[in-house]
Amino acid sequence: MLRLSHPHRTRRRRGAALVEAAVVLPIFFLAILAIVEFGRAMMVGQLVTNAAREGARQAILYGSDDDEVREHVTTFLQNAADVPAEHVGVEITVSSGPNREGAAPQSVVDAESGDRVTVRVTVPWDEASWGMLRWLGGESFRGEATMRHE
């Protein structure tokens, strides 16, 4: 004898999928947004390092000055990561090379061949984030590059 399932059992399960979706979908979308925001953090962190490298390359060229280096770094970050120029911190340090005689250089203009130029770039996370999640609020991305002056 063939027994059919009871129709009242299927009616009780009718809303279960809706309840399960209501519980799972917010968690799923939160995970997707976290992945996107983490990817953005990784990208901006790498771009800040690249900006420091580009600034150091600009600084080691003969005839460069500190303002040109800062402008080069901020323009790079504006174009690559859409970071406003007023939120980009650029610190330039020039230290004496092994063959330098005399006073230590104070800026890129004073640098001679062989002097080391270090460019440090900082960007606050709040200015680089798309604002979906604020899990890195108050932190900054930092990049640093050191090269010898030509």
N, C-alpha and C. Protein backbone atom coordinates (compact mmCIF):
# COMPACT_ATOMS: atom_id res chain seq x y z
N MET A 1 0.83 -1.17 0.00
CA MET A 1 0.00 0.00 0.00
C MET A 1 0.88 1.25 0.00
N LEU A 2 0.59 2.15 -0.88
CA LEU A 2 1.36 3.39 -1.03
C LEU A 2 0.74 4.47 -0.16
N ARG A 3 1.61 5.07 0.63
CA ARG A 3 1.11 6.10 1.53
C ARG A 3 1.63 7.46 1.07
N LEU A 4 0.79 8.41 0.92
CA LEU A 4 1.17 9.76 0.52
C LEU A 4 1.52 10.59 1.75
N SER A 5 2.42 11.55 1.54
CA SER A 5 2.78 12.42 2.66
C SER A 5 1.60 13.31 3.00
N HIS A 6 1.60 13.72 4.20
CA HIS A 6 0.49 14.55 4.67
C HIS A 6 0.67 15.98 4.18
N PRO A 7 -0.35 16.57 3.61
CA PRO A 7 -0.24 17.93 3.10
C PRO A 7 0.01 18.97 4.19
N HIS A 8 -0.40 18.71 5.41
CA HIS A 8 -0.21 19.71 6.46
C HIS A 8 1.27 19.83 6.86
N ARG A 9 2.08 18.83 6.62
CA ARG A 9 3.52 18.92 6.91
C ARG A 9 4.22 19.90 5.98
N THR A 10 3.88 19.90 4.73
CA THR A 10 4.52 20.82 3.80
C THR A 10 4.10 22.25 4.06
N ARG A 11 2.92 22.44 4.57
CA ARG A 11 2.48 23.81 4.87
C ARG A 11 3.25 24.41 6.04
N ARG A 12 3.63 23.61 7.00
CA ARG A 12 4.38 24.13 8.15
C ARG A 12 5.80 24.53 7.76
N ARG A 13 6.41 23.93 6.73
CA ARG A 13 7.77 24.24 6.29
C ARG A 13 7.81 25.37 5.28
N ARG A 14 6.67 25.87 4.90
CA ARG A 14 6.60 26.85 3.83
C ARG A 14 7.42 28.12 4.13
N GLY A 15 7.42 28.64 5.32
CA GLY A 15 8.13 29.87 5.66
C GLY A 15 9.55 29.64 6.17
N ALA A 16 9.98 28.40 6.26
CA ALA A 16 11.32 28.11 6.80
C ALA A 16 12.42 28.69 5.92
N ALA A 17 12.27 28.60 4.63
CA ALA A 17 13.29 29.14 3.73
C ALA A 17 13.40 30.65 3.87
N LEU A 18 12.29 31.32 4.06
CA LEU A 18 12.31 32.77 4.24
C LEU A 18 13.02 33.14 5.54
N VAL A 19 12.77 32.42 6.60
CA VAL A 19 13.42 32.69 7.88
C VAL A 19 14.92 32.41 7.78
N GLU A 20 15.28 31.31 7.14
CA GLU A 20 16.70 30.98 6.97
C GLU A 20 17.41 32.05 6.15
N ALA A 21 16.77 32.52 5.10
CA ALA A 21 17.36 33.58 4.27
C ALA A 21 17.51 34.87 5.07
N ALA A 22 16.53 35.19 5.91
CA ALA A 22 16.60 36.41 6.73
C ALA A 22 17.74 36.34 7.74
N VAL A 23 18.10 35.16 8.17
CA VAL A 23 19.20 35.00 9.11
C VAL A 23 20.54 34.98 8.38
N VAL A 24 20.63 34.29 7.25
CA VAL A 24 21.90 34.06 6.58
C VAL A 24 22.32 35.24 5.70
N LEU A 25 21.41 35.89 5.00
CA LEU A 25 21.77 36.95 4.05
C LEU A 25 22.51 38.14 4.69
N PRO A 26 22.09 38.67 5.84
CA PRO A 26 22.87 39.77 6.42
C PRO A 26 24.31 39.36 6.76
N ILE A 27 24.48 38.15 7.26
CA ILE A 27 25.83 37.67 7.56
C ILE A 27 26.64 37.52 6.28
N PHE A 28 26.01 37.00 5.23
CA PHE A 28 26.68 36.83 3.94
C PHE A 28 27.12 38.18 3.37
N PHE A 29 26.21 39.16 3.38
CA PHE A 29 26.56 40.47 2.83
C PHE A 29 27.62 41.18 3.67
N LEU A 30 27.58 40.99 4.98
CA LEU A 30 28.61 41.56 5.84
C LEU A 30 29.98 40.96 5.52
N ALA A 31 30.01 39.66 5.28
CA ALA A 31 31.27 39.01 4.90
C ALA A 31 31.77 39.53 3.56
N ILE A 32 30.89 39.71 2.60
CA ILE A 32 31.28 40.25 1.29
C ILE A 32 31.83 41.67 1.44
N LEU A 33 31.16 42.51 2.22
CA LEU A 33 31.65 43.88 2.43
C LEU A 33 33.00 43.88 3.14
N ALA A 34 33.19 42.99 4.09
CA ALA A 34 34.48 42.89 4.78
C ALA A 34 35.59 42.49 3.81
N ILE A 35 35.29 41.57 2.90
CA ILE A 35 36.28 41.17 1.91
C ILE A 35 36.65 42.33 1.00
N VAL A 36 35.65 43.09 0.57
CA VAL A 36 35.90 44.25 -0.29
C VAL A 36 36.72 45.30 0.45
N GLU A 37 36.37 45.57 1.70
CA GLU A 37 37.08 46.59 2.47
C GLU A 37 38.52 46.15 2.77
N PHE A 38 38.71 44.88 3.07
CA PHE A 38 40.06 44.36 3.30
C PHE A 38 40.89 44.45 2.02
N GLY A 39 40.28 44.15 0.89
CA GLY A 39 40.97 44.29 -0.40
C GLY A 39 41.36 45.73 -0.66
N ARG A 40 40.47 46.67 -0.33
CA ARG A 40 40.78 48.09 -0.48
C ARG A 40 41.96 48.47 0.43
N ALA A 41 41.96 47.95 1.65
CA ALA A 41 43.06 48.24 2.59
C ALA A 41 44.39 47.73 2.04
N MET A 42 44.39 46.54 1.50
CA MET A 42 45.62 45.99 0.92
C MET A 42 46.08 46.84 -0.27
N MET A 43 45.14 47.26 -1.11
CA MET A 43 45.48 48.05 -2.28
C MET A 43 46.08 49.40 -1.87
N VAL A 44 45.40 50.09 -0.95
CA VAL A 44 45.89 51.41 -0.53
C VAL A 44 47.24 51.29 0.18
N GLY A 45 47.41 50.25 0.98
CA GLY A 45 48.71 50.04 1.64
C GLY A 45 49.83 49.89 0.62
N GLN A 46 49.57 49.14 -0.43
CA GLN A 46 50.58 48.97 -1.48
C GLN A 46 50.80 50.28 -2.25
N LEU A 47 49.74 51.03 -2.49
CA LEU A 47 49.88 52.31 -3.19
C LEU A 47 50.66 53.33 -2.37
N VAL A 48 50.51 53.31 -1.06
CA VAL A 48 51.28 54.22 -0.20
C VAL A 48 52.77 53.86 -0.27
N THR A 49 53.08 52.58 -0.28
CA THR A 49 54.47 52.15 -0.45
C THR A 49 55.00 52.57 -1.81
N ASN A 50 54.20 52.41 -2.84
CA ASN A 50 54.61 52.83 -4.19
C ASN A 50 54.80 54.34 -4.25
N ALA A 51 53.95 55.10 -3.56
CA ALA A 51 54.09 56.57 -3.54
C ALA A 51 55.40 56.97 -2.88
N ALA A 52 55.78 56.28 -1.81
CA ALA A 52 57.06 56.57 -1.16
C ALA A 52 58.21 56.27 -2.10
N ARG A 53 58.10 55.18 -2.84
CA ARG A 53 59.14 54.82 -3.80
C ARG A 53 59.23 55.86 -4.92
N GLU A 54 58.07 56.28 -5.42
CA GLU A 54 58.07 57.31 -6.47
C GLU A 54 58.64 58.63 -5.94
N GLY A 55 58.33 58.97 -4.70
CA GLY A 55 58.89 60.18 -4.10
C GLY A 55 60.39 60.09 -3.95
N ALA A 56 60.89 58.94 -3.55
CA ALA A 56 62.34 58.76 -3.42
C ALA A 56 63.01 58.86 -4.78
N ARG A 57 62.39 58.29 -5.80
CA ARG A 57 62.96 58.41 -7.16
C ARG A 57 63.03 59.86 -7.60
N GLN A 58 61.99 60.62 -7.30
CA GLN A 58 61.99 62.04 -7.65
C GLN A 58 63.06 62.78 -6.85
N ALA A 59 63.22 62.42 -5.57
CA ALA A 59 64.14 63.14 -4.70
C ALA A 59 65.60 62.92 -5.06
N ILE A 60 65.95 61.76 -5.63
CA ILE A 60 67.36 61.50 -5.92
C ILE A 60 67.83 62.15 -7.22
N LEU A 61 66.91 62.71 -7.98
CA LEU A 61 67.31 63.36 -9.23
C LEU A 61 67.96 64.70 -8.95
N TYR A 62 68.97 65.00 -9.73
CA TYR A 62 69.67 66.28 -9.57
C TYR A 62 68.71 67.42 -9.89
N GLY A 63 68.66 68.42 -9.02
CA GLY A 63 67.81 69.59 -9.24
C GLY A 63 66.45 69.52 -8.58
N SER A 64 66.13 68.41 -7.95
CA SER A 64 64.83 68.29 -7.26
C SER A 64 64.86 69.04 -5.94
N ASP A 65 63.68 69.45 -5.48
CA ASP A 65 63.57 70.04 -4.15
C ASP A 65 62.43 69.37 -3.38
N ASP A 66 62.33 69.70 -2.11
CA ASP A 66 61.35 69.04 -1.24
C ASP A 66 59.91 69.24 -1.71
N ASP A 67 59.59 70.46 -2.18
CA ASP A 67 58.23 70.73 -2.63
C ASP A 67 57.86 69.90 -3.86
N GLU A 68 58.79 69.73 -4.78
CA GLU A 68 58.53 68.88 -5.96
C GLU A 68 58.25 67.44 -5.55
N VAL A 69 59.01 66.95 -4.57
CA VAL A 69 58.83 65.58 -4.10
C VAL A 69 57.45 65.43 -3.46
N ARG A 70 57.08 66.37 -2.59
CA ARG A 70 55.75 66.31 -1.95
C ARG A 70 54.63 66.37 -2.99
N GLU A 71 54.78 67.23 -3.95
CA GLU A 71 53.77 67.35 -5.01
C GLU A 71 53.68 66.06 -5.82
N HIS A 72 54.81 65.46 -6.11
CA HIS A 72 54.83 64.21 -6.88
C HIS A 72 54.12 63.08 -6.11
N VAL A 73 54.37 62.98 -4.81
CA VAL A 73 53.76 61.94 -3.98
C VAL A 73 52.25 62.17 -3.87
N THR A 74 51.84 63.39 -3.57
CA THR A 74 50.40 63.65 -3.41
C THR A 74 49.65 63.47 -4.72
N THR A 75 50.24 63.86 -5.84
CA THR A 75 49.60 63.65 -7.13
C THR A 75 49.47 62.17 -7.44
N PHE A 76 50.49 61.41 -7.12
CA PHE A 76 50.44 59.96 -7.34
C PHE A 76 49.29 59.34 -6.55
N LEU A 77 49.16 59.72 -5.28
CA LEU A 77 48.09 59.13 -4.45
C LEU A 77 46.71 59.65 -4.83
N GLN A 78 46.63 60.88 -5.29
CA GLN A 78 45.33 61.38 -5.77
C GLN A 78 44.87 60.60 -6.99
N ASN A 79 45.78 60.37 -7.91
CA ASN A 79 45.42 59.66 -9.14
C ASN A 79 45.18 58.17 -8.90
N ALA A 80 45.99 57.55 -8.06
CA ALA A 80 45.92 56.10 -7.89
C ALA A 80 44.87 55.65 -6.88
N ALA A 81 44.72 56.38 -5.77
CA ALA A 81 43.83 55.92 -4.70
C ALA A 81 42.76 56.92 -4.33
N ASP A 82 42.69 58.04 -5.03
CA ASP A 82 41.69 59.08 -4.77
C ASP A 82 41.76 59.60 -3.33
N VAL A 83 43.00 59.81 -2.86
CA VAL A 83 43.23 60.34 -1.52
C VAL A 83 43.46 61.85 -1.65
N PRO A 84 42.69 62.67 -0.91
CA PRO A 84 42.89 64.12 -0.99
C PRO A 84 44.30 64.53 -0.56
N ALA A 85 44.84 65.51 -1.24
CA ALA A 85 46.22 65.94 -0.99
C ALA A 85 46.44 66.41 0.44
N GLU A 86 45.44 67.03 1.05
CA GLU A 86 45.63 67.55 2.41
C GLU A 86 45.74 66.45 3.47
N HIS A 87 45.43 65.22 3.10
CA HIS A 87 45.51 64.11 4.06
C HIS A 87 46.73 63.22 3.84
N VAL A 88 47.59 63.60 2.92
CA VAL A 88 48.81 62.83 2.65
C VAL A 88 49.96 63.47 3.41
N GLY A 89 50.58 62.70 4.28
CA GLY A 89 51.74 63.18 5.03
C GLY A 89 53.02 62.70 4.37
N VAL A 90 53.92 63.64 4.06
CA VAL A 90 55.19 63.29 3.42
C VAL A 90 56.32 63.85 4.25
N GLU A 91 57.23 62.97 4.68
CA GLU A 91 58.40 63.38 5.44
C GLU A 91 59.64 62.98 4.65
N ILE A 92 60.53 63.95 4.43
CA ILE A 92 61.75 63.71 3.64
C ILE A 92 62.96 63.90 4.54
N THR A 93 63.81 62.89 4.60
CA THR A 93 65.02 62.94 5.41
C THR A 93 66.22 62.66 4.51
N VAL A 94 67.23 63.51 4.62
CA VAL A 94 68.46 63.31 3.85
C VAL A 94 69.59 63.09 4.85
N SER A 95 70.31 61.98 4.67
CA SER A 95 71.44 61.70 5.55
C SER A 95 72.72 61.60 4.71
N SER A 96 73.83 61.90 5.36
CA SER A 96 75.12 61.93 4.67
C SER A 96 75.50 60.57 4.12
N GLY A 97 76.07 60.59 2.94
CA GLY A 97 76.59 59.37 2.34
C GLY A 97 77.96 59.05 2.88
N PRO A 98 78.52 57.91 2.48
CA PRO A 98 79.81 57.48 3.02
C PRO A 98 80.98 58.38 2.61
N ASN A 99 80.89 59.07 1.49
CA ASN A 99 82.01 59.88 1.00
C ASN A 99 81.81 61.37 1.21
N ARG A 100 80.80 61.76 1.92
CA ARG A 100 80.49 63.18 2.09
C ARG A 100 81.40 63.81 3.13
N GLU A 101 81.88 64.98 2.80
CA GLU A 101 82.68 65.76 3.74
C GLU A 101 81.93 67.04 4.03
N GLY A 102 81.99 67.47 5.26
CA GLY A 102 81.33 68.71 5.62
C GLY A 102 80.00 68.47 6.32
N ALA A 103 79.19 69.53 6.33
CA ALA A 103 77.93 69.51 7.07
C ALA A 103 76.93 68.53 6.46
N ALA A 104 76.09 67.97 7.31
CA ALA A 104 75.05 67.05 6.85
C ALA A 104 74.00 67.83 6.06
N PRO A 105 73.43 67.25 5.03
CA PRO A 105 72.42 67.95 4.23
C PRO A 105 71.12 68.14 5.02
N GLN A 106 70.48 69.28 4.80
CA GLN A 106 69.23 69.60 5.49
C GLN A 106 68.00 69.30 4.64
N SER A 107 68.17 69.28 3.32
CA SER A 107 67.04 69.03 2.42
C SER A 107 67.56 68.37 1.14
N VAL A 108 66.63 68.06 0.26
CA VAL A 108 66.99 67.41 -1.01
C VAL A 108 67.87 68.33 -1.85
N VAL A 109 67.67 69.62 -1.76
CA VAL A 109 68.47 70.57 -2.53
C VAL A 109 69.94 70.50 -2.13
N ASP A 110 70.21 70.25 -0.84
CA ASP A 110 71.58 70.18 -0.33
C ASP A 110 72.25 68.83 -0.57
N ALA A 111 71.51 67.85 -1.05
CA ALA A 111 72.05 66.50 -1.20
C ALA A 111 73.09 66.43 -2.30
N GLU A 112 74.10 65.63 -2.05
CA GLU A 112 75.15 65.39 -3.04
C GLU A 112 75.11 63.92 -3.44
N SER A 113 75.88 63.59 -4.44
CA SER A 113 75.94 62.22 -4.91
C SER A 113 76.36 61.27 -3.78
N GLY A 114 75.59 60.22 -3.56
CA GLY A 114 75.89 59.25 -2.52
C GLY A 114 75.11 59.45 -1.24
N ASP A 115 74.52 60.64 -1.03
CA ASP A 115 73.70 60.86 0.16
C ASP A 115 72.43 60.01 0.08
N ARG A 116 71.92 59.58 1.24
CA ARG A 116 70.71 58.77 1.28
C ARG A 116 69.49 59.65 1.50
N VAL A 117 68.48 59.46 0.66
CA VAL A 117 67.23 60.21 0.78
C VAL A 117 66.14 59.21 1.17
N THR A 118 65.46 59.50 2.28
CA THR A 118 64.37 58.66 2.74
C THR A 118 63.07 59.44 2.66
N VAL A 119 62.07 58.84 2.05
CA VAL A 119 60.74 59.45 1.94
C VAL A 119 59.77 58.55 2.69
N ARG A 120 59.07 59.15 3.68
CA ARG A 120 58.04 58.44 4.45
C ARG A 120 56.68 59.06 4.13
N VAL A 121 55.73 58.21 3.80
CA VAL A 121 54.38 58.66 3.44
C VAL A 121 53.39 58.03 4.40
N THR A 122 52.46 58.84 4.91
CA THR A 122 51.38 58.34 5.76
C THR A 122 50.05 58.84 5.23
N VAL A 123 49.06 57.95 5.28
CA VAL A 123 47.70 58.28 4.89
C VAL A 123 46.76 57.69 5.93
N PRO A 124 45.90 58.51 6.56
CA PRO A 124 44.95 57.96 7.53
C PRO A 124 43.96 57.01 6.85
N TRP A 125 43.64 55.91 7.52
CA TRP A 125 42.71 54.94 6.97
C TRP A 125 41.36 55.59 6.68
N ASP A 126 40.92 56.48 7.55
CA ASP A 126 39.60 57.10 7.38
C ASP A 126 39.49 57.87 6.07
N GLU A 127 40.61 58.36 5.55
CA GLU A 127 40.59 59.11 4.31
C GLU A 127 40.71 58.22 3.08
N ALA A 128 41.18 57.00 3.26
CA ALA A 128 41.35 56.09 2.13
C ALA A 128 40.23 55.06 2.04
N SER A 129 39.44 54.94 3.09
CA SER A 129 38.38 53.93 3.13
C SER A 129 37.17 54.39 2.32
N TRP A 130 36.42 53.42 1.84
CA TRP A 130 35.16 53.73 1.18
C TRP A 130 34.06 53.91 2.20
N GLY A 131 34.34 53.65 3.46
CA GLY A 131 33.40 53.93 4.53
C GLY A 131 32.40 52.84 4.83
N MET A 132 32.55 51.68 4.22
CA MET A 132 31.59 50.60 4.50
C MET A 132 31.78 50.07 5.91
N LEU A 133 33.00 49.82 6.27
CA LEU A 133 33.33 49.32 7.60
C LEU A 133 34.43 50.20 8.18
N ARG A 134 34.34 50.54 9.43
CA ARG A 134 35.33 51.40 10.07
C ARG A 134 36.20 50.61 11.03
N TRP A 135 36.61 49.42 10.65
CA TRP A 135 37.36 48.55 11.55
C TRP A 135 38.81 48.96 11.72
N LEU A 136 39.32 49.85 10.87
CA LEU A 136 40.69 50.34 11.03
C LEU A 136 40.73 51.82 11.37
N GLY A 137 39.63 52.36 11.88
CA GLY A 137 39.56 53.79 12.20
C GLY A 137 40.67 54.21 13.15
N GLY A 138 41.29 55.33 12.87
CA GLY A 138 42.37 55.84 13.70
C GLY A 138 43.75 55.35 13.30
N GLU A 139 43.83 54.37 12.45
CA GLU A 139 45.11 53.83 11.99
C GLU A 139 45.55 54.57 10.73
N SER A 140 46.81 54.42 10.40
CA SER A 140 47.35 55.04 9.19
C SER A 140 48.14 54.02 8.39
N PHE A 141 48.11 54.20 7.09
CA PHE A 141 48.98 53.43 6.21
C PHE A 141 50.31 54.15 6.16
N ARG A 142 51.40 53.40 6.16
CA ARG A 142 52.73 53.99 6.12
C ARG A 142 53.57 53.31 5.05
N GLY A 143 54.29 54.12 4.32
CA GLY A 143 55.22 53.60 3.33
C GLY A 143 56.53 54.33 3.44
N GLU A 144 57.63 53.65 3.20
CA GLU A 144 58.95 54.26 3.30
C GLU A 144 59.86 53.71 2.23
N ALA A 145 60.66 54.60 1.66
CA ALA A 145 61.65 54.17 0.66
C ALA A 145 62.91 55.02 0.84
N THR A 146 64.06 54.37 0.71
CA THR A 146 65.35 55.05 0.83
C THR A 146 66.16 54.75 -0.43
N MET A 147 66.74 55.81 -1.02
CA MET A 147 67.59 55.67 -2.21
C MET A 147 68.78 56.62 -2.08
N ARG A 148 69.82 56.29 -2.83
CA ARG A 148 71.01 57.16 -2.85
C ARG A 148 70.85 58.23 -3.91
N HIS A 149 71.25 59.44 -3.54
CA HIS A 149 71.18 60.57 -4.48
C HIS A 149 72.17 60.38 -5.61
N GLU A 150 71.77 60.75 -6.80
CA GLU A 150 72.65 60.60 -7.99
C GLU A 150 73.71 61.67 -8.02
